């Protein structure tokens, strides 16, 4: 297998956007769109666009909302990125969010906000209406809804 290196400080979240045929990745303070060449003999990811998230943003999680053509980005706050318009806007003023997950049926927004360096034993809805705490000081890093 062939590999290549792309300098991407703080690279954390990566998602495939089949509508635009792009790989989106979030780093410390940038969102980057990569084009994949689909060549198994010589695979390449080529950066085609980048969007500044602001110095010290500390990008962490990246979630694709395919039907809405949006990305949710967590870090210092939660941002929403419109993949059609190439525009960022604030999604939530909550600070230091490690992860976000949108329930596919109810739309409830599940988040993990660390109370230790990188983890918490509790996850909650973004609006604060409900919280769930796991026993024995569980160390939750990222949260995801699973709907079967």
N, C-alpha and C. Protein backbone atom coordinates (compact mmCIF):
# COMPACT_ATOMS: atom_id res chain seq x y z
N UNK A 1 0.83 -1.19 0.00
CA UNK A 1 0.00 0.00 0.00
C UNK A 1 0.87 1.24 0.00
N UNK A 2 0.47 2.20 -0.77
CA UNK A 2 1.18 3.46 -0.86
C UNK A 2 0.65 4.43 0.18
N UNK A 3 1.52 5.22 0.74
CA UNK A 3 1.09 6.24 1.70
C UNK A 3 1.68 7.59 1.30
N UNK A 4 1.11 8.63 1.85
CA UNK A 4 1.66 9.97 1.67
C UNK A 4 1.40 10.74 2.94
N UNK A 5 2.08 11.85 3.08
CA UNK A 5 1.98 12.66 4.28
C UNK A 5 1.44 14.03 3.94
N UNK A 6 0.52 14.48 4.76
CA UNK A 6 -0.02 15.83 4.64
C UNK A 6 0.06 16.46 6.03
N UNK A 7 0.78 17.55 6.17
CA UNK A 7 0.90 18.20 7.47
C UNK A 7 -0.43 18.85 7.84
N UNK A 8 -0.98 18.37 8.95
CA UNK A 8 -2.31 18.78 9.35
C UNK A 8 -2.36 18.88 10.88
N UNK A 9 -1.87 19.99 11.45
CA UNK A 9 -1.81 20.12 12.90
C UNK A 9 -3.17 19.91 13.58
N UNK A 10 -3.17 19.03 14.55
CA UNK A 10 -4.37 18.78 15.34
C UNK A 10 -5.45 18.02 14.61
N UNK A 11 -5.11 17.32 13.52
CA UNK A 11 -6.12 16.58 12.75
C UNK A 11 -6.90 15.63 13.64
N UNK A 12 -8.23 15.71 13.59
CA UNK A 12 -9.05 14.88 14.46
C UNK A 12 -10.22 14.22 13.75
N UNK A 13 -11.15 15.00 13.24
CA UNK A 13 -12.36 14.44 12.65
C UNK A 13 -12.26 14.37 11.14
N UNK A 14 -12.74 13.25 10.58
CA UNK A 14 -12.73 13.04 9.13
C UNK A 14 -14.05 12.40 8.73
N UNK A 15 -14.67 12.91 7.65
CA UNK A 15 -15.89 12.30 7.11
C UNK A 15 -15.85 12.30 5.58
N UNK A 16 -16.54 11.31 5.01
CA UNK A 16 -16.69 11.22 3.56
C UNK A 16 -18.02 11.85 3.17
N UNK A 17 -17.97 12.77 2.23
CA UNK A 17 -19.16 13.45 1.71
C UNK A 17 -19.41 12.93 0.30
N UNK A 18 -20.32 11.96 0.17
CA UNK A 18 -20.56 11.32 -1.13
C UNK A 18 -21.26 12.26 -2.11
N UNK A 19 -21.99 13.23 -1.62
CA UNK A 19 -22.67 14.18 -2.51
C UNK A 19 -21.67 15.02 -3.29
N UNK A 20 -20.63 15.49 -2.60
CA UNK A 20 -19.62 16.34 -3.24
C UNK A 20 -18.34 15.56 -3.60
N UNK A 21 -18.32 14.27 -3.27
CA UNK A 21 -17.14 13.41 -3.48
C UNK A 21 -15.89 14.05 -2.86
N UNK A 22 -16.04 14.43 -1.59
CA UNK A 22 -14.94 15.05 -0.85
C UNK A 22 -14.72 14.35 0.48
N UNK A 23 -13.48 14.37 0.92
CA UNK A 23 -13.14 13.97 2.28
C UNK A 23 -12.95 15.27 3.06
N UNK A 24 -13.74 15.47 4.11
CA UNK A 24 -13.61 16.65 4.96
C UNK A 24 -12.83 16.26 6.21
N UNK A 25 -11.93 17.14 6.63
CA UNK A 25 -11.15 16.89 7.84
C UNK A 25 -11.02 18.18 8.64
N UNK A 26 -11.12 18.04 9.96
CA UNK A 26 -10.96 19.20 10.83
C UNK A 26 -9.66 19.05 11.61
N UNK A 27 -8.93 20.16 11.68
CA UNK A 27 -7.70 20.21 12.45
C UNK A 27 -7.82 21.23 13.56
N UNK A 28 -6.70 21.63 14.10
CA UNK A 28 -6.69 22.56 15.23
C UNK A 28 -7.48 23.83 14.94
N UNK A 29 -7.27 24.42 13.78
CA UNK A 29 -7.96 25.68 13.48
C UNK A 29 -8.37 25.81 12.02
N UNK A 30 -8.54 24.66 11.35
CA UNK A 30 -8.89 24.69 9.93
C UNK A 30 -9.77 23.50 9.56
N UNK A 31 -10.67 23.73 8.61
CA UNK A 31 -11.47 22.69 7.98
C UNK A 31 -10.96 22.57 6.55
N UNK A 32 -10.63 21.35 6.12
CA UNK A 32 -10.07 21.15 4.79
C UNK A 32 -10.90 20.13 4.02
N UNK A 33 -11.15 20.42 2.74
CA UNK A 33 -11.81 19.49 1.83
C UNK A 33 -10.73 18.88 0.94
N UNK A 34 -10.72 17.56 0.86
CA UNK A 34 -9.77 16.83 0.03
C UNK A 34 -10.52 16.10 -1.08
N UNK A 35 -9.92 16.06 -2.24
CA UNK A 35 -10.46 15.26 -3.35
C UNK A 35 -9.65 13.96 -3.38
N UNK A 36 -10.37 12.84 -3.45
CA UNK A 36 -9.73 11.52 -3.56
C UNK A 36 -9.76 11.08 -5.01
N UNK A 37 -8.67 10.49 -5.50
CA UNK A 37 -8.58 10.16 -6.92
C UNK A 37 -9.10 8.76 -7.27
N UNK A 38 -9.49 7.94 -6.30
CA UNK A 38 -10.04 6.60 -6.53
C UNK A 38 -9.10 5.70 -7.33
N UNK A 39 -7.81 5.91 -7.20
CA UNK A 39 -6.81 5.09 -7.88
C UNK A 39 -6.15 4.17 -6.86
N UNK A 40 -6.48 2.88 -6.89
CA UNK A 40 -5.94 1.95 -5.89
C UNK A 40 -4.44 1.74 -6.03
N UNK A 41 -3.90 1.94 -7.22
CA UNK A 41 -2.46 1.78 -7.44
C UNK A 41 -1.67 3.00 -6.95
N UNK A 42 -2.27 4.16 -7.03
CA UNK A 42 -1.60 5.41 -6.63
C UNK A 42 -2.62 6.34 -5.95
N UNK A 43 -3.11 5.95 -4.75
CA UNK A 43 -4.13 6.77 -4.09
C UNK A 43 -3.60 8.14 -3.68
N UNK A 44 -4.43 9.15 -3.87
CA UNK A 44 -4.03 10.51 -3.51
C UNK A 44 -5.23 11.23 -2.90
N UNK A 45 -4.94 12.00 -1.89
CA UNK A 45 -5.89 12.97 -1.34
C UNK A 45 -5.29 14.34 -1.60
N UNK A 46 -6.00 15.15 -2.36
CA UNK A 46 -5.48 16.47 -2.74
C UNK A 46 -6.35 17.53 -2.08
N UNK A 47 -5.75 18.42 -1.27
CA UNK A 47 -6.55 19.48 -0.67
C UNK A 47 -7.07 20.43 -1.74
N UNK A 48 -8.38 20.71 -1.72
CA UNK A 48 -8.97 21.59 -2.72
C UNK A 48 -9.54 22.87 -2.13
N UNK A 49 -9.87 22.85 -0.84
CA UNK A 49 -10.39 24.04 -0.17
C UNK A 49 -10.02 23.97 1.31
N UNK A 50 -9.84 25.12 1.90
CA UNK A 50 -9.66 25.16 3.36
C UNK A 50 -10.38 26.38 3.92
N UNK A 51 -10.84 26.23 5.14
CA UNK A 51 -11.64 27.26 5.79
C UNK A 51 -11.08 27.48 7.19
N UNK A 52 -10.72 28.71 7.49
CA UNK A 52 -10.13 29.07 8.78
C UNK A 52 -11.21 29.05 9.87
N UNK A 53 -10.94 28.33 10.95
CA UNK A 53 -11.87 28.25 12.07
C UNK A 53 -11.52 29.24 13.18
N UNK A 54 -10.38 29.89 13.06
CA UNK A 54 -9.94 30.85 14.07
C UNK A 54 -8.84 30.28 14.94
N UNK A 55 -7.85 31.10 15.23
CA UNK A 55 -6.71 30.67 16.05
C UNK A 55 -7.21 30.17 17.40
N UNK A 56 -6.70 29.00 17.79
CA UNK A 56 -7.08 28.42 19.08
C UNK A 56 -8.44 27.76 19.09
N UNK A 57 -9.03 27.51 17.93
CA UNK A 57 -10.36 26.88 17.90
C UNK A 57 -10.32 25.46 18.47
N UNK A 58 -9.26 24.72 18.20
CA UNK A 58 -9.08 23.36 18.72
C UNK A 58 -10.14 22.39 18.19
N UNK A 59 -10.25 22.30 16.86
CA UNK A 59 -11.22 21.42 16.22
C UNK A 59 -11.10 19.99 16.68
N UNK A 60 -12.24 19.35 16.89
CA UNK A 60 -12.19 18.00 17.44
C UNK A 60 -13.07 17.01 16.68
N UNK A 61 -14.36 17.23 16.68
CA UNK A 61 -15.27 16.27 16.06
C UNK A 61 -15.87 16.88 14.80
N UNK A 62 -16.23 16.01 13.87
CA UNK A 62 -16.80 16.44 12.60
C UNK A 62 -17.93 15.47 12.26
N UNK A 63 -19.11 16.02 12.05
CA UNK A 63 -20.30 15.19 11.78
C UNK A 63 -20.96 15.72 10.51
N UNK A 64 -21.23 14.82 9.58
CA UNK A 64 -21.89 15.19 8.33
C UNK A 64 -23.40 15.04 8.48
N UNK A 65 -24.12 16.10 8.16
CA UNK A 65 -25.58 16.05 8.07
C UNK A 65 -25.88 16.04 6.57
N UNK A 66 -25.88 14.86 6.01
CA UNK A 66 -25.92 14.67 4.55
C UNK A 66 -27.14 15.33 3.90
N UNK A 67 -28.32 15.12 4.47
CA UNK A 67 -29.54 15.65 3.87
C UNK A 67 -29.56 17.17 3.86
N UNK A 68 -28.91 17.79 4.84
CA UNK A 68 -28.90 19.25 4.96
C UNK A 68 -27.69 19.89 4.27
N UNK A 69 -26.75 19.06 3.76
CA UNK A 69 -25.50 19.58 3.19
C UNK A 69 -24.75 20.44 4.20
N UNK A 70 -24.64 19.91 5.43
CA UNK A 70 -23.96 20.66 6.49
C UNK A 70 -23.00 19.74 7.22
N UNK A 71 -21.99 20.37 7.82
CA UNK A 71 -21.08 19.70 8.74
C UNK A 71 -21.22 20.38 10.09
N UNK A 72 -21.17 19.60 11.16
CA UNK A 72 -21.06 20.17 12.49
C UNK A 72 -19.63 19.94 12.96
N UNK A 73 -19.04 20.98 13.51
CA UNK A 73 -17.65 20.96 13.93
C UNK A 73 -17.61 21.32 15.41
N UNK A 74 -16.93 20.49 16.22
CA UNK A 74 -16.80 20.83 17.64
C UNK A 74 -15.39 21.28 17.93
N UNK A 75 -15.28 22.08 18.97
CA UNK A 75 -14.01 22.63 19.43
C UNK A 75 -14.32 23.65 20.51
N UNK A 76 -13.77 24.83 20.36
CA UNK A 76 -14.03 25.89 21.34
C UNK A 76 -15.54 26.12 21.49
N UNK A 77 -16.27 26.07 20.37
CA UNK A 77 -17.73 26.12 20.34
C UNK A 77 -18.18 25.10 19.30
N UNK A 78 -19.47 25.05 19.01
CA UNK A 78 -19.96 24.19 17.93
C UNK A 78 -20.29 25.09 16.75
N UNK A 79 -19.69 24.75 15.60
CA UNK A 79 -19.92 25.49 14.36
C UNK A 79 -20.69 24.63 13.37
N UNK A 80 -21.40 25.29 12.48
CA UNK A 80 -22.08 24.62 11.38
C UNK A 80 -21.47 25.15 10.09
N UNK A 81 -21.12 24.23 9.20
CA UNK A 81 -20.54 24.60 7.92
C UNK A 81 -21.47 24.14 6.80
N UNK A 82 -21.88 25.07 5.96
CA UNK A 82 -22.74 24.76 4.81
C UNK A 82 -21.83 24.34 3.66
N UNK A 83 -21.91 23.05 3.27
CA UNK A 83 -21.01 22.53 2.24
C UNK A 83 -21.37 23.03 0.85
N UNK A 84 -22.58 23.51 0.66
CA UNK A 84 -22.99 24.06 -0.64
C UNK A 84 -22.50 25.50 -0.80
N UNK A 85 -22.62 26.28 0.26
CA UNK A 85 -22.26 27.70 0.20
C UNK A 85 -20.85 28.01 0.67
N UNK A 86 -20.22 27.04 1.36
CA UNK A 86 -18.88 27.28 1.90
C UNK A 86 -18.88 28.30 3.02
N UNK A 87 -19.93 28.31 3.84
CA UNK A 87 -20.08 29.31 4.90
C UNK A 87 -20.13 28.66 6.27
N UNK A 88 -19.46 29.30 7.22
CA UNK A 88 -19.48 28.88 8.62
C UNK A 88 -20.42 29.78 9.40
N UNK A 89 -21.09 29.19 10.40
CA UNK A 89 -21.88 29.99 11.33
C UNK A 89 -21.88 29.27 12.68
N UNK A 90 -22.19 30.02 13.71
CA UNK A 90 -22.28 29.44 15.05
C UNK A 90 -23.49 28.52 15.12
N UNK A 91 -23.31 27.35 15.72
CA UNK A 91 -24.40 26.41 15.91
C UNK A 91 -24.82 26.39 17.38
N UNK A 92 -23.83 26.58 18.26
CA UNK A 92 -24.09 26.60 19.70
C UNK A 92 -22.97 27.37 20.39
N UNK A 93 -23.33 28.08 21.43
CA UNK A 93 -22.34 28.80 22.21
C UNK A 93 -21.70 27.96 23.31
N UNK A 94 -22.10 26.68 23.43
CA UNK A 94 -21.48 25.80 24.44
C UNK A 94 -19.99 25.72 24.15
N UNK A 95 -19.20 25.75 25.21
CA UNK A 95 -17.74 25.77 25.06
C UNK A 95 -17.11 24.40 25.28
N UNK A 96 -15.99 24.18 24.64
CA UNK A 96 -15.14 22.99 24.81
C UNK A 96 -15.89 21.68 24.58
N UNK A 97 -16.67 21.62 23.52
CA UNK A 97 -17.42 20.41 23.18
C UNK A 97 -16.48 19.43 22.47
N UNK A 98 -16.38 18.21 22.99
CA UNK A 98 -15.53 17.19 22.37
C UNK A 98 -16.23 16.49 21.22
N UNK A 99 -17.53 16.19 21.40
CA UNK A 99 -18.23 15.47 20.34
C UNK A 99 -19.70 15.86 20.31
N UNK A 100 -20.29 15.67 19.14
CA UNK A 100 -21.72 15.91 18.96
C UNK A 100 -22.26 14.82 18.04
N UNK A 101 -23.49 14.41 18.31
CA UNK A 101 -24.15 13.42 17.49
C UNK A 101 -25.62 13.80 17.39
N UNK A 102 -26.16 13.76 16.19
CA UNK A 102 -27.56 14.12 15.96
C UNK A 102 -28.36 12.83 15.77
N UNK A 103 -29.40 12.65 16.56
CA UNK A 103 -30.24 11.46 16.43
C UNK A 103 -30.94 11.50 15.08
N UNK A 104 -30.85 10.42 14.29
CA UNK A 104 -31.39 10.44 12.93
C UNK A 104 -32.92 10.57 12.85
N UNK A 105 -33.63 10.23 13.92
CA UNK A 105 -35.09 10.32 13.89
C UNK A 105 -35.63 11.52 14.66
N UNK A 106 -35.08 11.77 15.85
CA UNK A 106 -35.62 12.84 16.70
C UNK A 106 -34.90 14.17 16.53
N UNK A 107 -33.67 14.14 15.99
CA UNK A 107 -32.88 15.35 15.85
C UNK A 107 -32.21 15.80 17.14
N UNK A 108 -32.37 15.02 18.23
CA UNK A 108 -31.74 15.39 19.51
C UNK A 108 -30.23 15.43 19.34
N UNK A 109 -29.62 16.42 19.97
CA UNK A 109 -28.18 16.68 19.82
C UNK A 109 -27.46 16.24 21.09
N UNK A 110 -26.76 15.11 21.00
CA UNK A 110 -26.03 14.53 22.11
C UNK A 110 -24.60 15.05 22.09
N UNK A 111 -24.10 15.53 23.24
CA UNK A 111 -22.74 16.07 23.30
C UNK A 111 -21.97 15.49 24.48
N UNK A 112 -20.65 15.55 24.35
CA UNK A 112 -19.75 15.23 25.44
C UNK A 112 -18.89 16.46 25.65
N UNK A 113 -18.97 17.01 26.87
CA UNK A 113 -18.16 18.16 27.26
C UNK A 113 -17.30 17.70 28.43
N UNK A 114 -15.98 17.67 28.26
CA UNK A 114 -15.13 17.08 29.29
C UNK A 114 -15.16 17.86 30.62
N UNK A 115 -15.13 17.10 31.71
CA UNK A 115 -14.93 17.72 33.02
C UNK A 115 -13.55 17.36 33.55
N UNK A 116 -12.85 16.53 32.82
CA UNK A 116 -11.45 16.22 33.07
C UNK A 116 -10.70 16.68 31.83
N UNK A 117 -9.46 16.29 31.66
CA UNK A 117 -8.67 16.77 30.52
C UNK A 117 -9.35 16.48 29.18
N UNK A 118 -9.79 15.27 28.96
CA UNK A 118 -10.37 14.89 27.66
C UNK A 118 -11.65 14.08 27.79
N UNK A 119 -12.09 13.79 28.99
CA UNK A 119 -13.20 12.88 29.17
C UNK A 119 -14.21 13.39 30.20
N UNK A 120 -15.31 12.66 30.25
CA UNK A 120 -16.37 12.93 31.22
C UNK A 120 -17.08 11.60 31.45
N UNK A 121 -17.72 11.44 32.59
CA UNK A 121 -18.52 10.23 32.82
C UNK A 121 -19.98 10.48 32.48
N UNK A 122 -20.27 11.68 31.96
CA UNK A 122 -21.64 12.09 31.66
C UNK A 122 -21.73 12.62 30.23
N UNK A 123 -22.82 12.25 29.56
CA UNK A 123 -23.16 12.85 28.27
C UNK A 123 -24.50 13.55 28.45
N UNK A 124 -24.78 14.52 27.60
CA UNK A 124 -26.02 15.27 27.76
C UNK A 124 -26.54 15.76 26.43
N UNK A 125 -27.79 16.17 26.44
CA UNK A 125 -28.33 16.84 25.27
C UNK A 125 -27.76 18.24 25.23
N UNK A 126 -27.52 18.75 24.06
CA UNK A 126 -26.92 20.08 23.90
C UNK A 126 -27.71 21.15 24.63
N UNK A 127 -29.04 21.03 24.64
CA UNK A 127 -29.85 22.04 25.32
C UNK A 127 -29.90 21.84 26.83
N UNK A 128 -29.25 20.79 27.34
CA UNK A 128 -29.17 20.56 28.78
C UNK A 128 -30.39 19.88 29.39
N UNK A 129 -31.38 19.52 28.58
CA UNK A 129 -32.61 18.92 29.10
C UNK A 129 -32.41 17.57 29.78
N UNK A 130 -31.49 16.76 29.26
CA UNK A 130 -31.26 15.43 29.84
C UNK A 130 -29.78 15.14 29.90
N UNK A 131 -29.40 14.35 30.94
CA UNK A 131 -28.02 13.91 31.12
C UNK A 131 -28.03 12.43 31.48
N UNK A 132 -26.98 11.74 31.07
CA UNK A 132 -26.79 10.34 31.43
C UNK A 132 -25.38 10.18 31.97
N UNK A 133 -25.26 9.59 33.15
CA UNK A 133 -23.96 9.36 33.78
C UNK A 133 -23.73 7.87 33.89
N UNK A 134 -22.57 7.42 33.42
CA UNK A 134 -22.21 6.02 33.53
C UNK A 134 -21.50 5.79 34.86
N UNK A 135 -21.67 4.60 35.45
CA UNK A 135 -21.08 4.33 36.76
C UNK A 135 -19.56 4.15 36.71
N UNK A 136 -18.98 4.16 37.89
CA UNK A 136 -17.55 3.86 38.08
C UNK A 136 -16.62 4.79 37.32
N UNK A 137 -16.99 6.06 37.24
CA UNK A 137 -16.14 7.06 36.57
C UNK A 137 -15.71 6.63 35.17
N UNK A 138 -16.70 6.20 34.39
CA UNK A 138 -16.42 5.83 32.99
C UNK A 138 -15.76 7.02 32.30
N UNK A 139 -14.90 6.76 31.37
CA UNK A 139 -14.19 7.81 30.65
C UNK A 139 -14.70 7.90 29.22
N UNK A 140 -15.72 8.70 29.02
CA UNK A 140 -16.34 8.85 27.70
C UNK A 140 -15.56 9.90 26.91
N UNK A 141 -15.13 9.51 25.73
CA UNK A 141 -14.36 10.41 24.86
C UNK A 141 -15.25 11.04 23.79
N UNK A 142 -15.97 10.21 23.05
CA UNK A 142 -16.91 10.70 22.04
C UNK A 142 -18.22 9.96 22.20
N UNK A 143 -19.30 10.65 21.86
CA UNK A 143 -20.62 10.04 21.97
C UNK A 143 -21.26 9.93 20.59
N UNK A 144 -22.05 8.89 20.40
CA UNK A 144 -22.77 8.70 19.15
C UNK A 144 -24.13 8.06 19.45
N UNK A 145 -25.16 8.54 18.75
CA UNK A 145 -26.46 7.88 18.75
C UNK A 145 -26.35 6.68 17.82
N UNK A 146 -26.98 5.59 18.18
CA UNK A 146 -27.14 4.45 17.28
C UNK A 146 -28.61 4.17 17.18
N UNK A 147 -29.13 4.17 15.99
CA UNK A 147 -30.55 3.93 15.75
C UNK A 147 -30.68 2.73 14.82
N UNK A 148 -31.36 1.70 15.27
CA UNK A 148 -31.47 0.47 14.48
C UNK A 148 -32.83 0.34 13.88
